[in-house]
Amino acid sequence: MERLIIRGGNKLRGMVMISGAKNAALPILAGSILAGDEVVITSVPDLDDVKSMLELLQALGAKVKRSGSKVVINPAKVEKDEAPYNLIRKMRASFLVAGPLLAKLNSVRIPLPGGCAIGSRPVDLHLKGFLAMGATITQESGVIQMDALGGLRGARIYLDVPSVGATENLLMAASLAMGETVIENAAREPEVVDLANFLNNMGAKIRGAGTSVIKIDGVSGLSGISYPVIPDRIEAGTYMIACAVAGGDITLQNVVPEHLTAVIAKLTEVGVTIEDLGGGLRVLSDKRPYCTDVTTTPYPGFPTDLQPQMMTLLSIASGTSVITETIFEGRFMHVAELNRMGADLRIENRSVIIEGVRRLSGAHVRMPDLRAGAALVLAGIAANGETEIQDIYHLDRGYEAMDRKLAGLGADIARVYDEAQQEPIAQVL
């Protein structure tokens, strides 16, 4: 069993390098299935979710080689249209192989995906889009069978909500469909733009990525390329908030400030100083943060993936703050754990009322999911005393070496492996 031990109170100082974006790397890795020959993807973060996606690609027949942050994929032998349940269940992003497989093989058999339990995230928008493109779909015992005999056809698709996953899946499927596909109310996230740029570099014809209307003219095939993944705006935002929580002066390298506009605005509002260094950001925090209200919305609004971390910050702000979650109804599982550390948080429907306290206290807590886990780490580095965090496997799904990066900034944080807890327990007769 691995756990984190954090002794709070140290200010953060120094430089931190931001890794490639998890939420861009996963769809790009899935999209490599569409290529006719070798694809080289660089700036790929070393995360458990990425490892799961690479295992899935190998199970489908792709040849995969990894060296550091570079991944080489040859999808020429992807001939299996059935994705194994033991890999799909690990994370929701695994469902992103459905569109590429359906476009390439005209059929796919895939279980419903797993991932963090942060609310209902159905794949119905994906399926409605595939239906509009001519696929037939049946579902039995949690497994979806999709067939497109004769190939997918271009269609006009309206998304009821601007789902990132649905936009990406349909974008990939439409790249090899016959005719034009128009996706309306499409997600505008930078990760969607990165996927579109990746596909266009391979020979796809995609226009409008980054806007609410994306148009795709299907092509007969795509070629392998070398492509770098964009920096992770969620990781960058997490370290920016970490500095605001603990205090200090840090510099983030390998960031795109334009991807963080909403985060920068809110941090500035609570009294944090942020300087654009051109390819980097300097974050300075030397006083208790002010209170503010935050509402999560699709990009370019404040990201739901930074809501838990922002709650940690506002829990020690002066005054009363309100955070409203509009994306995932189950994304408040960190509230009980933060209250264990002395926060004063109260859930009211889809909002949390936050009465700021001067200081949190160390406690034994558990990570309920990935981003909630990051929020607890941030609470630990600012709290009085020692914090022990269990179930840290969540953190390794989405943050590359977070404990080592924070230690490099001066935080007193260590990963502990308890061998004694691995020994079998004697059976009582």
Protein backbone atom coordinates (compact mmCIF):
# COMPACT_ATOMS: atom_id res chain seq x y z
CA MET A 1 0.00 0.00 0.00
CA GLU A 2 1.33 3.41 -0.98
CA ARG A 3 0.38 6.59 0.82
CA LEU A 4 1.52 10.19 1.07
CA ILE A 5 2.83 11.78 4.25
CA ILE A 6 2.76 15.58 4.16
CA ARG A 7 3.95 18.01 6.80
CA GLY A 8 2.43 21.36 6.02
CA GLY A 9 3.63 24.89 6.44
CA ASN A 10 6.40 25.22 3.83
CA LYS A 11 6.08 27.92 1.22
CA LEU A 12 6.65 26.89 -2.40
CA ARG A 13 9.57 28.32 -4.34
CA GLY A 14 11.30 27.40 -7.57
CA MET A 15 10.46 26.11 -11.04
CA VAL A 16 8.14 23.31 -12.09
CA MET A 17 7.97 21.79 -15.56
CA ILE A 18 4.43 21.05 -16.77
CA SER A 19 3.95 17.73 -18.52
CA GLY A 20 2.02 16.98 -21.68
CA ALA A 21 -1.75 17.05 -21.28
CA LYS A 22 -3.36 13.80 -20.20
CA ASN A 23 -6.69 14.83 -21.72
CA ALA A 24 -5.02 15.58 -25.05
CA ALA A 25 -2.70 12.56 -25.10
CA LEU A 26 -5.48 9.99 -24.59
CA PRO A 27 -7.62 10.94 -27.64
CA ILE A 28 -4.50 11.42 -29.78
CA LEU A 29 -3.31 7.93 -28.83
CA ALA A 30 -6.75 6.58 -29.72
CA GLY A 31 -6.69 8.54 -32.97
CA SER A 32 -3.43 6.87 -34.01
CA ILE A 33 -5.58 3.84 -34.92
CA LEU A 34 -6.72 5.77 -38.00
CA ALA A 35 -3.23 6.07 -39.50
CA GLY A 36 -2.01 3.80 -42.26
CA ASP A 37 1.54 3.68 -40.95
CA GLU A 38 3.74 4.60 -37.99
CA VAL A 39 2.81 7.50 -35.69
CA VAL A 40 5.26 9.19 -33.30
CA ILE A 41 3.75 11.13 -30.41
CA THR A 42 5.98 13.21 -28.12
CA SER A 43 5.44 14.99 -24.78
CA VAL A 44 3.31 12.05 -23.61
CA PRO A 45 2.97 12.11 -19.80
CA ASP A 46 3.94 9.08 -17.72
CA LEU A 47 0.54 8.32 -16.19
CA ASP A 48 -1.43 5.22 -15.33
CA ASP A 49 -4.24 6.27 -17.69
CA VAL A 50 -1.75 6.59 -20.55
CA LYS A 51 -0.35 3.14 -19.74
CA SER A 52 -3.88 1.74 -19.84
CA MET A 53 -4.52 3.30 -23.25
CA LEU A 54 -1.26 1.89 -24.63
CA GLU A 55 -2.18 -1.56 -23.31
CA LEU A 56 -5.56 -1.22 -25.03
CA LEU A 57 -3.93 -0.29 -28.35
CA GLN A 58 -1.66 -3.33 -28.08
CA ALA A 59 -4.63 -5.58 -27.31
CA LEU A 60 -6.28 -4.30 -30.50
CA GLY A 61 -3.23 -5.26 -32.56
CA ALA A 62 -1.09 -2.12 -32.65
CA LYS A 63 2.66 -2.27 -32.11
CA VAL A 64 3.65 0.15 -29.36
CA LYS A 65 7.09 1.31 -28.22
CA ARG A 66 7.74 3.88 -25.53
CA SER A 67 10.93 5.72 -24.63
CA GLY A 68 10.47 8.40 -21.99
CA SER A 69 7.87 10.85 -23.23
CA LYS A 70 8.00 9.54 -26.82
CA VAL A 71 5.57 6.87 -27.98
CA VAL A 72 5.82 5.12 -31.36
CA ILE A 73 2.67 3.37 -32.59
CA ASN A 74 2.26 1.25 -35.70
CA PRO A 75 -1.49 0.62 -36.16
CA ALA A 76 -1.19 -1.31 -39.43
CA LYS A 77 -2.17 -4.59 -37.73
CA VAL A 78 -5.18 -3.21 -35.84
CA GLU A 79 -7.69 -5.80 -37.01
CA LYS A 80 -9.48 -6.69 -33.77
CA ASP A 81 -12.77 -4.86 -33.37
CA GLU A 82 -13.39 -6.03 -29.78
CA ALA A 83 -11.98 -4.07 -26.85
CA PRO A 84 -11.26 -6.17 -23.74
CA TYR A 85 -13.38 -5.41 -20.67
CA ASN A 86 -10.46 -5.59 -18.23
CA LEU A 87 -8.87 -2.57 -19.96
CA ILE A 88 -12.02 -0.59 -20.79
CA ARG A 89 -13.24 -0.71 -17.19
CA LYS A 90 -10.16 1.16 -15.92
CA MET A 91 -10.99 4.56 -17.38
CA ARG A 92 -13.67 6.38 -19.26
CA ALA A 93 -11.32 7.66 -21.97
CA SER A 94 -10.92 4.11 -23.26
CA PHE A 95 -14.27 4.55 -25.04
CA LEU A 96 -12.45 6.93 -27.40
CA VAL A 97 -11.25 3.94 -29.43
CA ALA A 98 -14.87 3.31 -30.54
CA GLY A 99 -14.91 6.02 -33.22
CA PRO A 100 -11.54 5.14 -34.80
CA LEU A 101 -12.32 1.40 -34.80
CA LEU A 102 -15.76 1.95 -36.31
CA ALA A 103 -14.27 4.16 -39.03
CA LYS A 104 -11.36 1.82 -39.79
CA LEU A 105 -12.96 -1.63 -39.43
CA ASN A 106 -16.66 -0.77 -39.90
CA SER A 107 -17.46 -2.53 -36.64
CA VAL A 108 -16.61 -2.38 -32.95
CA ARG A 109 -17.63 -4.31 -29.86
CA ILE A 110 -16.89 -2.38 -26.68
CA PRO A 111 -17.98 -2.57 -23.03
CA LEU A 112 -19.31 0.48 -21.25
CA PRO A 113 -16.33 2.34 -19.74
CA GLY A 114 -15.22 2.92 -16.17
CA GLY A 115 -13.27 5.77 -14.56
CA CYS A 116 -13.74 8.16 -11.64
CA ALA A 117 -17.14 7.97 -9.95
CA ILE A 118 -17.87 11.70 -10.12
CA GLY A 119 -21.36 11.53 -11.57
CA SER A 120 -23.36 10.32 -14.53
CA ARG A 121 -21.37 10.55 -17.76
CA PRO A 122 -23.37 8.52 -20.27
CA VAL A 123 -22.08 7.75 -23.74
CA ASP A 124 -25.46 8.38 -25.35
CA LEU A 125 -24.18 11.46 -27.22
CA HIS A 126 -21.45 9.34 -28.80
CA LEU A 127 -23.99 6.70 -29.84
CA LYS A 128 -26.49 9.20 -31.25
CA GLY A 129 -23.72 10.62 -33.41
CA PHE A 130 -22.67 7.19 -34.66
CA LEU A 131 -26.34 6.41 -35.45
CA ALA A 132 -26.62 9.61 -37.47
CA MET A 133 -23.55 8.50 -39.44
CA GLY A 134 -25.22 5.24 -40.40
CA ALA A 135 -24.10 2.80 -37.73
CA THR A 136 -26.40 0.15 -36.30
CA ILE A 137 -26.11 -0.25 -32.53
CA THR A 138 -27.18 -3.00 -30.16
CA GLN A 139 -26.46 -3.36 -26.46
CA GLU A 140 -26.49 -6.47 -24.32
CA SER A 141 -25.03 -7.22 -20.88
CA GLY A 142 -23.11 -3.94 -20.75
CA VAL A 143 -21.46 -4.45 -24.15
CA ILE A 144 -22.19 -2.23 -27.16
CA GLN A 145 -21.99 -3.67 -30.68
CA MET A 146 -21.74 -1.14 -33.52
CA ASP A 147 -21.61 -1.92 -37.23
CA ALA A 148 -21.34 0.31 -40.27
CA LEU A 149 -21.57 -2.05 -43.22
CA GLY A 150 -20.40 -0.12 -46.26
CA GLY A 151 -18.72 2.51 -44.09
CA LEU A 152 -19.81 5.57 -42.12
CA ARG A 153 -21.52 8.47 -43.90
CA GLY A 154 -21.22 12.16 -43.20
CA ALA A 155 -24.07 13.66 -41.21
CA ARG A 156 -25.23 16.75 -39.37
CA ILE A 157 -24.95 16.10 -35.63
CA TYR A 158 -26.19 18.33 -32.82
CA LEU A 159 -24.84 17.61 -29.34
CA ASP A 160 -27.33 18.30 -26.54
CA VAL A 161 -24.39 19.39 -24.38
CA PRO A 162 -20.86 20.25 -25.58
CA SER A 163 -19.35 16.92 -24.51
CA VAL A 164 -15.59 16.73 -24.97
CA GLY A 165 -15.54 12.94 -25.33
CA ALA A 166 -18.42 12.85 -27.81
CA THR A 167 -16.90 15.66 -29.88
CA GLU A 168 -13.56 13.82 -30.02
CA ASN A 169 -15.05 10.41 -30.82
CA LEU A 170 -17.24 11.78 -33.61
CA LEU A 171 -14.38 13.91 -34.93
CA MET A 172 -12.23 10.81 -35.35
CA ALA A 173 -15.01 8.71 -36.87
CA ALA A 174 -15.93 11.47 -39.33
CA SER A 175 -12.34 11.81 -40.57
CA LEU A 176 -12.74 8.61 -42.64
CA ALA A 177 -16.51 8.86 -43.28
CA MET A 178 -17.93 9.44 -46.75
CA GLY A 179 -18.93 13.07 -47.28
CA GLU A 180 -19.17 16.00 -44.89
CA THR A 181 -19.97 15.80 -41.19
CA VAL A 182 -21.01 18.86 -39.21
CA ILE A 183 -20.85 18.76 -35.39
CA GLU A 184 -22.94 21.53 -33.81
CA ASN A 185 -22.63 22.61 -30.17
CA ALA A 186 -19.21 20.98 -30.21
CA ALA A 187 -16.83 21.19 -27.26
CA ARG A 188 -14.28 23.99 -27.60
CA GLU A 189 -11.57 22.73 -25.24
CA PRO A 190 -7.88 23.06 -26.24
CA GLU A 191 -7.64 19.25 -26.13
CA VAL A 192 -10.25 19.03 -28.90
CA VAL A 193 -8.23 21.51 -30.96
CA ASP A 194 -5.06 19.48 -30.35
CA LEU A 195 -6.77 16.31 -31.59
CA ALA A 196 -8.04 18.12 -34.70
CA ASN A 197 -4.54 19.49 -35.40
CA PHE A 198 -3.11 15.98 -35.01
CA LEU A 199 -5.65 14.53 -37.45
CA ASN A 200 -5.19 17.38 -39.93
CA ASN A 201 -1.44 16.83 -39.91
CA MET A 202 -2.16 13.20 -40.83
CA GLY A 203 -4.26 14.35 -43.81
CA ALA A 204 -7.75 14.89 -42.35
CA LYS A 205 -9.86 17.85 -43.44
CA ILE A 206 -11.24 19.44 -40.28
CA ARG A 207 -12.36 23.07 -39.95
CA GLY A 208 -13.68 25.01 -36.98
CA ALA A 209 -12.06 23.14 -34.07
CA GLY A 210 -12.13 25.47 -31.08
CA THR A 211 -15.54 26.83 -32.09
CA SER A 212 -19.01 25.41 -31.50
CA VAL A 213 -19.35 24.21 -35.12
CA ILE A 214 -16.81 21.75 -36.54
CA LYS A 215 -16.92 20.59 -40.17
CA ILE A 216 -15.15 17.46 -41.37
CA ASP A 217 -14.73 16.33 -44.97
CA GLY A 218 -14.04 12.60 -44.90
CA VAL A 219 -10.89 11.31 -46.61
CA SER A 220 -9.94 7.82 -47.78
CA GLY A 221 -6.93 7.42 -45.50
CA LEU A 222 -4.54 9.09 -43.06
CA SER A 223 -0.74 8.96 -42.89
CA GLY A 224 1.59 8.58 -39.93
CA ILE A 225 3.31 11.69 -38.54
CA SER A 226 5.30 12.96 -35.56
CA TYR A 227 3.29 15.18 -33.24
CA PRO A 228 3.82 16.83 -29.79
CA VAL A 229 1.03 16.88 -27.19
CA ILE A 230 0.10 20.29 -25.76
CA PRO A 231 0.98 21.18 -22.13
CA ASP A 232 -1.48 20.12 -19.43
CA ARG A 233 -3.56 23.14 -18.43
CA ILE A 234 -5.12 21.24 -15.51
CA GLU A 235 -1.74 20.30 -14.08
CA ALA A 236 -0.59 23.90 -14.57
CA GLY A 237 -3.70 25.23 -12.83
CA THR A 238 -3.18 22.79 -9.95
CA TYR A 239 0.34 24.09 -9.27
CA MET A 240 -0.83 27.68 -9.58
CA ILE A 241 -3.49 27.01 -6.94
CA ALA A 242 -0.92 25.11 -4.83
CA CYS A 243 1.21 28.24 -4.66
CA ALA A 244 -1.85 30.30 -3.74
CA VAL A 245 -2.72 27.82 -0.96
CA ALA A 246 0.76 27.44 0.54
CA GLY A 247 2.15 30.85 -0.35
CA GLY A 248 5.40 31.41 -2.18
CA ASP A 249 6.89 32.30 -5.54
CA ILE A 250 7.01 29.67 -8.32
CA THR A 251 7.57 29.62 -12.06
CA LEU A 252 5.73 27.23 -14.36
CA GLN A 253 7.47 26.26 -17.59
CA ASN A 254 5.83 24.71 -20.67
CA VAL A 255 2.41 26.33 -20.33
CA VAL A 256 -0.02 28.04 -22.70
CA PRO A 257 -1.41 31.04 -20.77
CA GLU A 258 -4.35 31.40 -23.18
CA HIS A 259 -5.61 27.99 -22.00
CA LEU A 260 -5.72 29.28 -18.41
CA THR A 261 -7.57 32.58 -18.83
CA ALA A 262 -10.43 31.72 -16.46
CA VAL A 263 -8.06 30.32 -13.82
CA ILE A 264 -5.76 33.34 -13.99
CA ALA A 265 -8.77 35.66 -13.63
CA LYS A 266 -10.03 33.88 -10.48
CA LEU A 267 -6.62 33.66 -8.85
CA THR A 268 -6.02 37.33 -9.53
CA GLU A 269 -9.42 38.06 -7.99
CA VAL A 270 -8.41 36.37 -4.71
CA GLY A 271 -5.15 38.33 -4.51
CA VAL A 272 -2.57 36.15 -6.27
CA THR A 273 -0.06 37.86 -8.57
CA ILE A 274 0.53 36.16 -11.93
CA GLU A 275 3.10 37.26 -14.50
CA ASP A 276 3.21 36.03 -18.11
CA LEU A 277 6.85 35.28 -18.91
CA GLY A 278 6.26 34.17 -22.50
CA GLY A 279 6.11 30.39 -22.49
CA GLY A 280 5.96 30.40 -18.70
CA LEU A 281 4.02 31.86 -15.79
CA ARG A 282 5.26 33.27 -12.49
CA VAL A 283 2.88 32.89 -9.52
CA LEU A 284 3.38 34.91 -6.31
CA SER A 285 1.25 34.61 -3.18
CA ASP A 286 2.19 36.34 0.07
CA LYS A 287 -1.11 36.88 1.90
CA ARG A 288 -4.34 35.16 2.87
CA PRO A 289 -6.60 34.85 -0.19
CA TYR A 290 -9.82 36.82 -0.53
CA CYS A 291 -13.17 35.06 -0.91
CA THR A 292 -14.90 34.76 -4.29
CA ASP A 293 -17.57 32.75 -6.09
CA VAL A 294 -16.78 30.16 -8.77
CA THR A 295 -19.08 28.41 -11.25
CA THR A 296 -17.72 25.60 -13.41
CA THR A 297 -18.71 25.75 -17.08
CA PRO A 298 -17.43 24.26 -20.34
CA TYR A 299 -14.32 25.86 -21.85
CA PRO A 300 -13.50 28.74 -21.92
CA GLY A 301 -15.14 28.91 -18.48
CA PHE A 302 -13.65 27.73 -15.18
CA PRO A 303 -12.79 24.02 -15.57
CA THR A 304 -14.54 21.40 -13.47
CA ASP A 305 -11.21 19.57 -13.19
CA LEU A 306 -9.89 22.46 -11.05
CA GLN A 307 -12.99 22.89 -8.89
CA PRO A 308 -11.79 20.67 -5.99
CA GLN A 309 -8.39 22.39 -5.89
CA MET A 310 -10.08 25.82 -5.89
CA MET A 311 -12.26 24.66 -3.00
CA THR A 312 -9.13 23.94 -0.97
CA LEU A 313 -7.92 27.48 -1.63
CA LEU A 314 -11.24 29.12 -0.74
CA SER A 315 -11.51 27.03 2.42
CA ILE A 316 -8.72 29.19 3.90
CA ALA A 317 -9.84 32.48 2.31
CA SER A 318 -11.20 35.39 4.29
CA GLY A 319 -15.00 35.51 4.16
CA THR A 320 -17.68 33.41 2.52
CA SER A 321 -17.32 31.85 -0.94
CA VAL A 322 -19.67 29.76 -3.09
CA ILE A 323 -18.63 27.14 -5.63
CA THR A 324 -21.29 25.89 -8.04
CA GLU A 325 -20.65 22.72 -10.05
CA THR A 326 -22.61 22.55 -13.33
CA ILE A 327 -20.72 19.77 -15.14
CA PHE A 328 -20.62 16.68 -12.86
CA GLU A 329 -23.24 16.29 -10.15
CA GLY A 330 -21.05 13.95 -8.09
CA ARG A 331 -17.94 16.11 -7.86
CA PHE A 332 -18.18 17.01 -4.17
CA MET A 333 -16.70 13.87 -2.62
CA HIS A 334 -13.72 15.88 -1.38
CA VAL A 335 -15.97 18.02 0.83
CA ALA A 336 -16.17 15.49 3.68
CA GLU A 337 -12.40 14.92 3.58
CA LEU A 338 -11.62 18.67 3.64
CA ASN A 339 -14.03 19.09 6.57
CA ARG A 340 -12.01 16.41 8.39
CA MET A 341 -9.05 18.77 8.02
CA GLY A 342 -10.92 21.65 9.62
CA ALA A 343 -12.60 23.27 6.62
CA ASP A 344 -16.12 24.68 7.01
CA LEU A 345 -17.94 23.47 3.90
CA ARG A 346 -21.66 22.90 3.42
CA ILE A 347 -23.28 21.30 0.36
CA GLU A 348 -26.50 22.85 -0.90
CA ASN A 349 -27.79 21.14 -4.06
CA ARG A 350 -25.07 21.70 -6.67
CA SER A 351 -23.25 24.37 -4.70
CA VAL A 352 -20.89 24.38 -1.72
CA ILE A 353 -20.98 27.23 0.79
CA ILE A 354 -17.46 27.88 2.08
CA GLU A 355 -16.78 29.75 5.31
CA GLY A 356 -13.07 30.44 5.22
CA VAL A 357 -10.91 29.33 8.15
CA ARG A 358 -7.44 30.65 8.91
CA ARG A 359 -5.68 27.29 8.78
CA LEU A 360 -6.44 23.66 8.04
CA SER A 361 -5.19 20.85 10.29
CA GLY A 362 -3.42 17.66 9.32
CA ALA A 363 -5.53 14.50 9.33
CA HIS A 364 -5.84 10.98 7.91
CA VAL A 365 -7.82 11.21 4.67
CA ARG A 366 -8.52 9.16 1.53
CA MET A 367 -8.57 10.18 -2.10
CA PRO A 368 -12.06 9.56 -3.53
CA ASP A 369 -11.05 10.43 -7.11
CA LEU A 370 -8.30 12.03 -9.18
CA ARG A 371 -8.97 15.77 -8.85
CA ALA A 372 -10.29 15.45 -5.29
CA GLY A 373 -6.98 13.75 -4.55
CA ALA A 374 -5.08 16.77 -5.84
CA ALA A 375 -7.23 19.01 -3.63
CA LEU A 376 -6.29 16.96 -0.56
CA VAL A 377 -2.59 17.14 -1.41
CA LEU A 378 -2.89 20.92 -1.65
CA ALA A 379 -4.69 20.98 1.69
CA GLY A 380 -1.91 18.90 3.22
CA ILE A 381 0.92 21.20 2.15
CA ALA A 382 -0.85 24.17 3.78
CA ALA A 383 -2.19 22.46 6.92
CA ASN A 384 -0.84 22.54 10.46
CA GLY A 385 0.77 19.24 11.37
CA GLU A 386 0.94 15.97 9.46
CA THR A 387 -1.49 14.72 6.84
CA GLU A 388 -1.62 11.10 5.70
CA ILE A 389 -3.40 10.41 2.41
CA GLN A 390 -4.39 6.93 1.29
CA ASP A 391 -5.70 5.57 -2.04
CA ILE A 392 -3.14 7.67 -3.91
CA TYR A 393 -3.41 5.47 -7.01
CA HIS A 394 -6.02 8.00 -8.14
CA LEU A 395 -3.32 10.68 -8.29
CA ASP A 396 -1.07 8.58 -10.51
CA ARG A 397 -3.82 8.40 -13.13
CA GLY A 398 -3.57 12.09 -13.92
CA TYR A 399 -0.49 13.77 -12.41
CA GLU A 400 3.05 12.90 -13.42
CA ALA A 401 5.27 12.66 -10.31
CA MET A 402 3.21 15.19 -8.36
CA ASP A 403 4.86 14.33 -5.06
CA ARG A 404 8.35 14.77 -6.52
CA LYS A 405 7.45 18.01 -8.28
CA LEU A 406 6.01 19.49 -5.08
CA ALA A 407 9.05 18.32 -3.11
CA GLY A 408 11.20 20.11 -5.68
CA LEU A 409 9.31 23.29 -4.84
CA GLY A 410 10.00 22.88 -1.13
CA ALA A 411 6.97 20.97 0.12
CA ASP A 412 7.59 18.37 2.84
CA ILE A 413 5.94 15.44 1.08
CA ALA A 414 6.96 11.80 0.82
CA ARG A 415 5.51 8.67 -0.73
CA VAL A 416 5.59 5.79 1.73
CA TYR A 417 5.31 2.11 0.88
CA ASP A 418 4.08 0.07 3.85
CA GLU A 419 5.33 -3.47 3.30
CA ALA A 420 3.84 -4.70 6.56
CA GLN A 421 0.37 -4.08 5.21
CA GLN A 422 1.12 -6.30 2.24
CA GLU A 423 1.65 -9.40 4.35
CA PRO A 424 -1.23 -11.87 4.46
CA ILE A 425 -3.48 -11.66 7.50
CA ALA A 426 -3.59 -14.89 9.51
CA GLN A 427 -6.88 -16.68 9.20
CA VAL A 428 -8.91 -16.88 12.40
CA LEU A 429 -10.59 -20.29 12.77
